[in-house]
């Protein structure tokens, strides 16, 4: 039981030491992630369409 208590005490300490991002940073990071995902979705759609087109020529 003392190990569990020690573990949660350490978790509490680490959470207090953590530097959390601000709301502005979170918005920026979220938009960056959505932008990268959208870019790769369009890129892979284009590559897939090109490969499909080339295979249909055969």
Protein backbone atom coordinates (compact mmCIF):
# COMPACT_ATOMS: atom_id res chain seq x y z
CA UNK A 1 0.00 0.00 0.00
CA UNK A 2 2.87 2.38 0.73
CA UNK A 3 4.20 1.92 -2.81
CA UNK A 4 0.87 3.01 -4.25
CA UNK A 5 0.75 6.06 -1.99
CA UNK A 6 4.33 6.95 -2.96
CA UNK A 7 3.50 6.51 -6.65
CA UNK A 8 0.51 8.87 -6.53
CA UNK A 9 2.52 11.35 -4.48
CA UNK A 10 5.15 11.41 -7.22
CA UNK A 11 2.47 11.78 -9.88
CA UNK A 12 1.02 14.78 -8.03
CA UNK A 13 4.50 16.33 -7.74
CA UNK A 14 5.23 15.84 -11.45
CA UNK A 15 1.90 17.36 -12.47
CA UNK A 16 2.73 20.48 -10.44
CA UNK A 17 6.13 20.72 -12.14
CA UNK A 18 4.69 20.38 -15.65
CA UNK A 19 4.59 23.51 -17.80
CA UNK A 20 1.25 23.48 -19.58
CA UNK A 21 0.80 25.29 -22.91
CA UNK A 22 -1.24 28.47 -23.04
CA UNK A 23 -4.52 28.65 -24.95
CA UNK A 24 -2.79 30.59 -27.75
CA UNK A 25 -0.10 27.91 -28.08
CA UNK A 26 -2.73 25.18 -28.13
CA UNK A 27 -4.67 26.91 -30.92
CA UNK A 28 -1.48 27.33 -32.94
CA UNK A 29 -0.46 23.69 -32.43
CA UNK A 30 -3.95 22.44 -33.24
CA UNK A 31 -4.09 24.45 -36.47
CA UNK A 32 -0.63 23.18 -37.42
CA UNK A 33 -1.72 19.57 -36.90
CA UNK A 34 -4.90 20.06 -38.94
CA UNK A 35 -2.91 21.78 -41.69
CA UNK A 36 -0.36 18.97 -41.90
CA UNK A 37 -3.09 16.32 -41.89
CA UNK A 38 -4.99 18.15 -44.66
CA UNK A 39 -1.80 18.51 -46.72
CA UNK A 40 -0.99 14.80 -46.48
CA UNK A 41 -4.60 13.82 -47.21
CA UNK A 42 -4.54 15.84 -50.44
CA UNK A 43 -1.04 14.57 -51.29
CA UNK A 44 -1.92 10.90 -50.83
CA UNK A 45 -5.21 11.36 -52.67
CA UNK A 46 -3.26 12.78 -55.59
CA UNK A 47 -0.68 10.00 -55.55
CA UNK A 48 -3.41 7.36 -55.30
CA UNK A 49 -5.33 8.94 -58.18
CA UNK A 50 -2.19 9.08 -60.32
CA UNK A 51 -1.33 5.44 -59.63
CA UNK A 52 -4.92 4.38 -60.36
CA UNK A 53 -4.86 6.34 -63.63
CA UNK A 54 -1.56 4.80 -64.68
CA UNK A 55 -2.74 1.27 -63.83
CA UNK A 56 -5.92 1.79 -65.85
CA UNK A 57 -3.80 2.62 -68.90
CA UNK A 58 -2.38 -0.90 -68.79
